[in-house]
N, C-alpha and C. Protein backbone atom coordinates (compact mmCIF):
# COMPACT_ATOMS: atom_id res chain seq x y z
N MET A 1 28.18 9.03 -7.80
CA MET A 1 27.15 9.33 -6.97
C MET A 1 25.97 10.01 -7.43
N ALA A 2 24.76 9.74 -7.28
CA ALA A 2 23.60 10.07 -8.17
C ALA A 2 23.16 11.48 -7.29
N LYS A 3 22.80 12.53 -8.18
CA LYS A 3 22.03 13.52 -7.64
C LYS A 3 20.91 13.36 -6.65
N THR A 4 20.84 14.14 -5.60
CA THR A 4 19.65 14.05 -4.69
C THR A 4 18.12 13.94 -5.24
N SER A 5 18.09 14.73 -6.40
CA SER A 5 16.77 14.75 -6.95
C SER A 5 16.44 13.72 -7.71
N VAL A 6 17.38 12.85 -8.15
CA VAL A 6 17.27 11.69 -8.95
C VAL A 6 16.90 10.53 -7.90
N ILE A 7 17.63 10.54 -6.87
CA ILE A 7 17.41 9.52 -5.61
C ILE A 7 16.05 9.84 -5.16
N ALA A 8 15.59 10.97 -4.80
CA ALA A 8 14.24 11.25 -4.55
C ALA A 8 13.14 11.00 -5.30
N ARG A 9 13.48 10.97 -6.66
CA ARG A 9 12.61 10.68 -7.73
C ARG A 9 12.25 9.07 -7.82
N SER A 10 13.25 8.30 -7.71
CA SER A 10 13.26 7.07 -7.64
C SER A 10 12.57 6.31 -6.54
N LYS A 11 12.38 7.20 -5.37
CA LYS A 11 11.69 6.66 -4.03
C LYS A 11 10.19 6.71 -4.45
N LYS A 12 9.73 7.76 -5.10
CA LYS A 12 8.25 7.74 -5.43
C LYS A 12 7.95 6.62 -6.08
N THR A 13 6.40 6.28 -5.83
CA THR A 13 5.81 5.21 -6.45
C THR A 13 5.48 5.47 -7.90
N PRO A 14 6.08 4.73 -9.05
CA PRO A 14 5.84 4.82 -10.42
C PRO A 14 4.44 4.77 -10.86
N LYS A 15 4.18 5.21 -11.85
CA LYS A 15 2.82 5.00 -12.61
C LYS A 15 2.67 3.59 -13.06
N PHE A 16 3.73 3.13 -13.59
CA PHE A 16 3.70 1.62 -13.87
C PHE A 16 4.72 0.85 -13.32
N SER A 17 4.62 -0.49 -12.80
CA SER A 17 5.45 -1.17 -11.92
C SER A 17 6.84 -1.41 -12.85
N SER A 18 6.75 -1.30 -14.15
CA SER A 18 7.92 -1.62 -14.79
C SER A 18 8.93 -0.32 -14.78
N ARG A 19 8.50 0.74 -14.30
CA ARG A 19 9.31 1.89 -14.25
C ARG A 19 10.13 2.01 -12.96
N LYS A 20 9.86 0.95 -12.22
CA LYS A 20 10.77 1.04 -10.96
C LYS A 20 12.23 1.02 -11.03
N VAL A 21 13.02 1.73 -10.50
CA VAL A 21 14.32 1.82 -10.52
C VAL A 21 14.87 1.29 -9.15
N SER A 22 15.65 0.28 -9.11
CA SER A 22 16.40 -0.10 -7.84
C SER A 22 17.59 0.73 -7.61
N ARG A 23 17.98 1.24 -6.56
CA ARG A 23 19.22 2.13 -6.57
C ARG A 23 19.96 1.54 -5.07
N CYS A 24 21.16 1.73 -5.18
CA CYS A 24 22.09 1.40 -3.84
C CYS A 24 21.59 2.50 -2.69
N PHE A 25 21.34 1.87 -1.65
CA PHE A 25 21.02 2.97 -0.47
C PHE A 25 22.21 3.71 -0.01
N ARG A 26 23.58 3.39 -0.19
CA ARG A 26 24.63 4.26 0.12
C ARG A 26 24.91 5.25 -1.02
N CYS A 27 25.01 4.92 -2.00
CA CYS A 27 25.22 6.10 -2.96
C CYS A 27 24.42 6.41 -4.33
N GLY A 28 23.19 5.61 -4.32
CA GLY A 28 22.19 6.07 -5.17
C GLY A 28 22.48 5.38 -6.74
N ARG A 29 23.45 4.56 -6.87
CA ARG A 29 24.07 4.04 -8.26
C ARG A 29 22.87 3.15 -8.59
N LYS A 30 22.39 3.05 -9.99
CA LYS A 30 21.12 2.11 -10.36
C LYS A 30 21.80 1.06 -11.24
N ARG A 31 23.15 1.11 -11.59
CA ARG A 31 23.42 0.04 -12.43
C ARG A 31 24.57 -0.90 -11.30
N GLY A 32 24.62 -2.14 -11.68
CA GLY A 32 25.34 -3.02 -10.91
C GLY A 32 24.80 -3.13 -9.61
N TYR A 33 23.41 -3.29 -9.35
CA TYR A 33 22.66 -3.24 -8.16
C TYR A 33 22.64 -4.77 -7.59
N MET A 34 22.49 -5.10 -6.44
CA MET A 34 22.48 -6.43 -6.00
C MET A 34 21.46 -6.44 -5.04
N ARG A 35 20.19 -7.11 -5.58
CA ARG A 35 19.15 -7.00 -4.57
C ARG A 35 19.21 -7.68 -3.13
N ASP A 36 19.98 -8.68 -3.32
CA ASP A 36 20.23 -9.37 -1.93
C ASP A 36 20.68 -8.58 -0.75
N PHE A 37 21.60 -7.49 -1.21
CA PHE A 37 22.23 -6.73 -0.31
C PHE A 37 21.80 -5.23 -0.52
N ASP A 38 20.91 -4.94 -1.22
CA ASP A 38 20.66 -3.57 -1.36
C ASP A 38 21.65 -2.55 -1.76
N LEU A 39 22.82 -3.10 -2.42
CA LEU A 39 24.15 -2.20 -2.74
C LEU A 39 24.15 -2.54 -4.19
N CYS A 40 25.29 -1.48 -4.53
CA CYS A 40 25.77 -1.56 -5.83
C CYS A 40 27.00 -2.30 -5.55
N ARG A 41 27.75 -2.86 -6.80
CA ARG A 41 28.78 -3.74 -6.77
C ARG A 41 30.13 -3.08 -6.12
N ILE A 42 30.07 -1.72 -6.16
CA ILE A 42 31.29 -1.14 -5.63
C ILE A 42 31.24 -0.78 -4.09
N CYS A 43 30.11 -0.47 -3.71
CA CYS A 43 29.89 -0.45 -2.09
C CYS A 43 29.79 -1.80 -1.59
N PHE A 44 29.29 -2.83 -2.42
CA PHE A 44 29.46 -4.34 -1.77
C PHE A 44 30.85 -4.62 -1.58
N ARG A 45 31.67 -4.36 -2.54
CA ARG A 45 33.03 -4.57 -2.37
C ARG A 45 33.70 -3.88 -1.39
N GLU A 46 33.46 -2.72 -1.23
CA GLU A 46 34.17 -1.85 -0.16
C GLU A 46 33.83 -2.61 1.28
N LEU A 47 32.35 -2.73 1.40
CA LEU A 47 31.84 -3.26 2.81
C LEU A 47 32.61 -4.63 3.07
N ALA A 48 32.32 -5.62 2.04
CA ALA A 48 32.73 -6.83 2.06
C ALA A 48 34.28 -6.91 2.42
N ASN A 49 34.97 -6.07 1.87
CA ASN A 49 36.53 -6.14 2.14
C ASN A 49 36.82 -5.56 3.71
N ASP A 50 36.16 -4.90 4.03
CA ASP A 50 36.30 -4.33 5.52
C ASP A 50 35.62 -5.21 6.49
N GLY A 51 34.93 -6.23 5.94
CA GLY A 51 34.29 -7.38 6.84
C GLY A 51 33.01 -6.79 7.47
N LYS A 52 32.13 -6.04 6.93
CA LYS A 52 31.26 -5.37 7.62
C LYS A 52 29.91 -6.03 7.18
N ILE A 53 29.78 -6.90 6.17
CA ILE A 53 28.85 -7.69 5.62
C ILE A 53 28.93 -9.09 6.19
N PRO A 54 28.07 -9.47 7.03
CA PRO A 54 28.13 -10.80 7.88
C PRO A 54 28.00 -11.98 6.72
N GLY A 55 28.74 -12.92 7.04
CA GLY A 55 28.64 -14.03 6.09
C GLY A 55 29.13 -13.80 4.69
N VAL A 56 29.83 -12.95 4.47
CA VAL A 56 30.61 -12.57 3.05
C VAL A 56 31.99 -12.60 3.35
N ARG A 57 32.83 -13.43 2.72
CA ARG A 57 34.20 -13.15 2.74
C ARG A 57 34.93 -13.57 1.15
N LYS A 58 35.96 -12.96 1.31
CA LYS A 58 36.66 -13.05 -0.07
C LYS A 58 37.08 -14.56 -0.55
N SER A 59 36.77 -15.03 -1.62
CA SER A 59 36.88 -16.61 -1.92
C SER A 59 38.48 -16.66 -2.48
N SER A 60 38.98 -17.67 -2.11
CA SER A 60 40.39 -18.08 -2.64
C SER A 60 40.59 -19.63 -2.82
N TRP A 61 41.23 -20.05 -3.71
CA TRP A 61 41.29 -21.36 -4.05
C TRP A 61 42.60 -21.77 -4.76
């Protein structure tokens, strides 16, 4: 879980566009971020396993 100050800093508009950091909206994690869902891999897995993300289900073959 990211500190509140780090999350607040990432929401500000950066001086240069390459400095923009994408963060998970639930926990604030910056690594393992999925743009399609605006979540990190850990939060994505938790919500997908609970069935809270529509159109996503666990694959098996």
